[in-house]
Amino acid sequence: MKLPIRLKSEPIVDAIFEIRFAAKTQIASILPGYLYSTLGGTSVERLSAADIPEAIRVSDANLRALPTQKVFIDKFYILVGDELLGIGCQLPYPGWAEFRPVIEKVLNTVHALKLVLSVHRYSMKYVDVLPAKDSGEALSMLDLGIELGGQKLKHEKFQLRTELVRGAFIHVVNLVGSAQMLIANQPQRNSGAIVDIDSICDLSPAMRFESFLMKLKASADEIHEANKELFFELLQQETVNSLGPDYE
């Protein structure tokens, strides 16, 4: 399947590359200021998970994976948690050719502190909003059929979550037929069908941070390509054509 290089009508509303790691110490209070000063940040936002006492956060694996602060740097942002680091894009999405070098730069900057020991998971998540006026139109845009109790859904609202295992990746797919999203830095809500794909790679055993960084470029390209391929497989060809695909 030949994939477009870009779409003229870009549906991406969020994109984030994330790692889960083990560190020498609790670095959620160290990294934001370090990244802000080292990478020329513009602002730092305290998130709701920061209000949970650290002693409680570190005792729960789910809480350790929540971001506590968000550092804004130019067209990008960095999410920092006790055992999580995410690099995301502010809109409009700049494209993978610009996004991946920022991922590499941020993670190499973190490595300079010598506090992260190993990485046990990395992931690539994209959230897209397709311009559908209702669930019926959303179903016609997706390569998807839903039947319940002998009744095939045609116009009914739907929300579907599934996990697809393909090679080394687990793709967590969330589809919503009709929804409204409030996008950061945009005054109006985006309405349409939501296609949310979180592609995850669990590393077992965990990989030393230095070794992970040596393979980062290839690993990031591979998981990005897998995510992108699945996204276009979920769309009808007419939907792809309506988004203005550029193959050159």
Protein backbone atom coordinates (compact mmCIF):
# COMPACT_ATOMS: atom_id res chain seq x y z
CA MET A 1 0.00 0.00 0.00
CA LYS A 2 1.49 3.29 -1.12
CA LEU A 3 1.12 5.91 1.61
CA PRO A 4 0.81 9.66 1.04
CA ILE A 5 3.73 11.82 2.15
CA ARG A 6 1.30 14.47 3.37
CA LEU A 7 -2.35 15.49 3.26
CA LYS A 8 -3.48 18.91 2.08
CA SER A 9 -6.40 18.79 4.55
CA GLU A 10 -4.45 17.69 7.62
CA PRO A 11 -6.72 15.84 10.10
CA ILE A 12 -4.11 15.45 12.89
CA VAL A 13 -5.07 17.20 16.14
CA ASP A 14 -2.47 15.58 18.42
CA ALA A 15 0.77 13.65 18.00
CA ILE A 16 3.04 12.39 20.76
CA PHE A 17 6.05 10.10 21.10
CA GLU A 18 6.44 8.68 24.60
CA ILE A 19 8.88 6.59 26.60
CA ARG A 20 8.41 4.86 29.97
CA PHE A 21 11.61 4.48 31.94
CA ALA A 22 13.39 3.65 35.18
CA ALA A 23 15.60 6.33 36.76
CA LYS A 24 18.14 6.69 39.56
CA THR A 25 15.92 9.17 41.39
CA GLN A 26 12.53 10.86 41.16
CA ILE A 27 13.15 13.21 38.25
CA ALA A 28 9.69 14.70 37.71
CA SER A 29 10.74 17.77 39.72
CA ILE A 30 14.16 18.02 38.04
CA LEU A 31 13.51 17.59 34.32
CA PRO A 32 11.02 20.41 33.60
CA GLY A 33 13.34 23.21 34.73
CA TYR A 34 16.34 21.56 33.10
CA LEU A 35 14.58 21.12 29.76
CA TYR A 36 13.10 24.61 29.91
CA SER A 37 16.50 26.25 30.38
CA THR A 38 18.52 23.92 28.13
CA LEU A 39 16.13 23.86 25.16
CA GLY A 40 14.87 27.44 25.37
CA GLY A 41 11.38 26.79 26.70
CA THR A 42 8.64 29.41 26.53
CA SER A 43 6.51 28.26 29.49
CA VAL A 44 5.83 25.43 31.93
CA GLU A 45 2.34 24.22 32.84
CA ARG A 46 1.62 22.33 36.04
CA LEU A 47 -0.80 19.46 35.40
CA SER A 48 -3.41 17.98 37.72
CA ALA A 49 -1.34 14.86 38.54
CA ALA A 50 1.20 17.16 40.23
CA ASP A 51 -1.35 17.72 43.00
CA ILE A 52 -1.16 14.04 44.00
CA PRO A 53 1.42 13.69 46.80
CA GLU A 54 4.66 12.24 45.47
CA ALA A 55 4.63 9.42 48.05
CA ILE A 56 1.26 8.26 46.68
CA ARG A 57 2.25 8.67 43.03
CA VAL A 58 5.42 6.60 43.28
CA SER A 59 3.59 3.75 45.04
CA ASP A 60 1.21 3.22 42.10
CA ALA A 61 2.46 2.18 38.64
CA ASN A 62 -0.48 3.88 36.90
CA LEU A 63 0.16 7.18 38.69
CA ARG A 64 3.88 7.03 37.93
CA ALA A 65 2.94 7.03 34.24
CA LEU A 66 0.94 10.26 34.48
CA PRO A 67 2.52 13.54 33.32
CA THR A 68 2.85 16.14 36.08
CA GLN A 69 4.26 19.06 34.07
CA LYS A 70 4.21 20.26 30.48
CA VAL A 71 7.09 22.25 29.00
CA PHE A 72 6.41 24.31 25.86
CA ILE A 73 9.28 24.73 23.41
CA ASP A 74 8.63 26.52 20.13
CA LYS A 75 6.16 24.40 18.13
CA PHE A 76 6.44 21.44 20.47
CA TYR A 77 5.78 20.41 24.07
CA ILE A 78 7.29 17.92 26.51
CA LEU A 79 5.30 15.94 29.08
CA VAL A 80 7.21 14.91 32.20
CA GLY A 81 6.14 12.38 34.82
CA ASP A 82 7.81 10.20 37.41
CA GLU A 83 8.49 7.46 34.85
CA LEU A 84 7.23 9.07 31.65
CA LEU A 85 8.54 11.47 29.05
CA GLY A 86 6.48 12.50 26.03
CA ILE A 87 7.29 14.80 23.14
CA GLY A 88 4.32 16.24 21.28
CA CYS A 89 3.45 18.79 18.61
CA GLN A 90 1.46 21.96 18.85
CA LEU A 91 -0.80 22.59 15.87
CA PRO A 92 -0.51 22.77 12.97
CA TYR A 93 1.31 19.44 12.75
CA PRO A 94 4.76 20.17 11.26
CA GLY A 95 5.30 16.76 9.67
CA TRP A 96 7.42 13.77 10.65
CA ALA A 97 10.58 15.12 8.98
CA GLU A 98 10.55 18.00 11.48
CA PHE A 99 9.07 16.12 14.43
CA ARG A 100 11.51 13.20 14.67
CA PRO A 101 14.69 15.34 15.05
CA VAL A 102 13.01 17.12 17.98
CA ILE A 103 12.30 13.75 19.62
CA GLU A 104 15.97 12.82 19.23
CA LYS A 105 17.15 16.19 20.55
CA VAL A 106 14.96 16.06 23.66
CA LEU A 107 15.90 12.49 24.57
CA ASN A 108 19.61 13.14 24.06
CA THR A 109 19.29 16.24 26.25
CA VAL A 110 17.70 14.09 28.97
CA HIS A 111 20.51 11.56 28.62
CA ALA A 112 23.07 14.24 29.45
CA LEU A 113 21.77 14.27 33.03
CA LYS A 114 22.70 10.58 33.44
CA LEU A 115 19.60 9.95 35.55
CA VAL A 116 17.53 7.68 33.28
CA LEU A 117 18.74 4.10 33.52
CA SER A 118 16.56 2.12 31.12
CA VAL A 119 13.51 2.25 28.84
CA HIS A 120 10.85 -0.47 29.08
CA ARG A 121 8.28 0.94 26.67
CA TYR A 122 7.97 3.45 23.86
CA SER A 123 4.94 4.51 21.87
CA MET A 124 3.66 6.75 19.09
CA LYS A 125 0.16 8.19 19.26
CA TYR A 126 -1.78 10.16 16.67
CA VAL A 127 -5.29 11.55 17.06
CA ASP A 128 -7.12 12.56 13.88
CA VAL A 129 -10.50 14.20 13.38
CA LEU A 130 -12.26 13.43 10.10
CA PRO A 131 -14.84 15.97 8.89
CA ALA A 132 -18.02 13.93 9.37
CA LYS A 133 -21.30 15.64 10.25
CA ASP A 134 -22.72 12.54 12.01
CA SER A 135 -22.04 8.89 12.79
CA GLY A 136 -23.61 7.74 9.53
CA GLU A 137 -21.14 9.75 7.49
CA ALA A 138 -18.32 8.57 9.77
CA LEU A 139 -19.17 4.93 9.03
CA SER A 140 -19.09 5.64 5.31
CA MET A 141 -15.62 7.21 5.64
CA LEU A 142 -14.11 4.28 7.57
CA ASP A 143 -13.37 0.73 6.48
CA LEU A 144 -15.62 -0.47 9.28
CA GLY A 145 -18.83 -2.42 9.68
CA ILE A 146 -20.64 -2.86 13.01
CA GLU A 147 -23.51 -5.28 13.59
CA LEU A 148 -25.23 -5.90 16.93
CA GLY A 149 -27.93 -8.51 17.42
CA GLY A 150 -28.47 -8.74 13.70
CA GLN A 151 -28.80 -4.95 13.32
CA LYS A 152 -26.21 -3.27 11.19
CA LEU A 153 -25.32 0.22 12.39
CA LYS A 154 -25.97 2.88 9.77
CA HIS A 155 -26.58 6.17 11.54
CA GLU A 156 -26.33 5.25 15.24
CA LYS A 157 -23.66 6.80 17.42
CA PHE A 158 -20.77 4.50 18.23
CA GLN A 159 -17.55 4.33 20.21
CA LEU A 160 -15.18 1.43 19.60
CA ARG A 161 -11.94 0.44 21.32
CA THR A 162 -9.80 -2.50 20.28
CA GLU A 163 -6.19 -3.70 20.37
CA LEU A 164 -4.48 -5.01 17.26
CA VAL A 165 -1.21 -6.94 17.58
CA ARG A 166 1.04 -6.57 14.56
CA GLY A 167 4.62 -7.75 14.86
CA ALA A 168 6.34 -6.01 17.77
CA PHE A 169 3.59 -3.41 18.19
CA ILE A 170 0.26 -3.31 19.97
CA HIS A 171 -2.01 -0.74 18.34
CA VAL A 172 -4.69 0.57 20.68
CA VAL A 173 -7.41 1.93 18.38
CA ASN A 174 -10.24 4.18 19.54
CA LEU A 175 -12.92 5.20 17.05
CA VAL A 176 -15.72 7.66 17.84
CA GLY A 177 -18.43 8.23 15.25
CA SER A 178 -19.40 11.77 16.18
CA ALA A 179 -17.68 13.98 18.74
CA GLN A 180 -16.51 17.48 19.48
CA MET A 181 -13.00 18.26 20.64
CA LEU A 182 -11.63 21.48 22.11
CA ILE A 183 -8.16 21.85 20.64
CA ALA A 184 -5.47 23.87 22.39
CA ASN A 185 -4.85 27.31 20.86
CA GLN A 186 -8.01 27.04 18.73
CA PRO A 187 -11.10 29.07 19.64
CA GLN A 188 -13.57 26.70 17.98
CA ARG A 189 -14.35 23.08 18.75
CA ASN A 190 -13.43 20.50 16.11
CA SER A 191 -16.31 18.18 15.30
CA GLY A 192 -16.23 14.95 13.37
CA ALA A 193 -15.15 11.32 13.62
CA ILE A 194 -12.19 10.62 15.88
CA VAL A 195 -9.50 8.12 14.88
CA ASP A 196 -7.12 7.64 17.80
CA ILE A 197 -4.23 5.17 17.33
CA ASP A 198 -1.70 4.56 20.09
CA SER A 199 1.07 2.25 18.84
CA ILE A 200 3.02 0.65 21.69
CA CYS A 201 6.22 -1.37 21.90
CA ASP A 202 6.99 -3.10 25.21
CA LEU A 203 10.67 -3.84 25.67
CA SER A 204 11.36 -7.02 27.61
CA PRO A 205 13.92 -7.02 29.00
CA ALA A 206 14.19 -3.26 29.42
CA MET A 207 16.84 -1.58 27.28
CA ARG A 208 19.59 0.59 28.71
CA PHE A 209 18.94 4.22 27.82
CA GLU A 210 22.22 4.54 25.92
CA SER A 211 21.36 1.51 23.79
CA PHE A 212 17.84 2.78 23.18
CA LEU A 213 19.18 6.12 21.94
CA MET A 214 21.53 4.37 19.53
CA LYS A 215 18.51 2.75 17.85
CA LEU A 216 16.11 5.65 18.37
CA LYS A 217 16.04 6.96 14.79
CA ALA A 218 15.23 3.54 13.32
CA SER A 219 12.79 2.65 16.11
CA ALA A 220 10.92 5.95 15.82
CA ASP A 221 10.67 5.66 12.04
CA GLU A 222 9.41 2.08 12.29
CA ILE A 223 6.67 2.75 14.84
CA HIS A 224 5.62 5.95 13.04
CA GLU A 225 5.32 4.06 9.76
CA ALA A 226 3.30 1.27 11.41
CA ASN A 227 0.92 3.81 12.95
CA LYS A 228 0.54 5.69 9.68
CA GLU A 229 -0.08 2.51 7.70
CA LEU A 230 -2.85 1.40 10.05
CA PHE A 231 -4.49 4.83 9.89
CA PHE A 232 -4.79 4.72 6.11
CA GLU A 233 -5.98 1.10 6.20
CA LEU A 234 -8.89 2.26 8.38
CA LEU A 235 -10.02 4.77 5.73
CA GLN A 236 -12.03 4.21 2.58
CA GLN A 237 -10.13 5.27 -0.55
CA GLU A 238 -12.72 8.00 -1.17
CA THR A 239 -11.91 9.40 2.28
CA VAL A 240 -8.20 9.46 1.50
CA ASN A 241 -8.89 11.22 -1.79
CA SER A 242 -11.04 13.85 -0.03
CA LEU A 243 -8.11 14.77 2.24
CA GLY A 244 -5.88 15.72 -0.70
CA PRO A 245 -3.10 13.10 -0.62
CA ASP A 246 0.33 14.10 -1.91
CA TYR A 247 2.45 11.10 -2.97
CA GLU A 248 5.48 13.07 -4.21
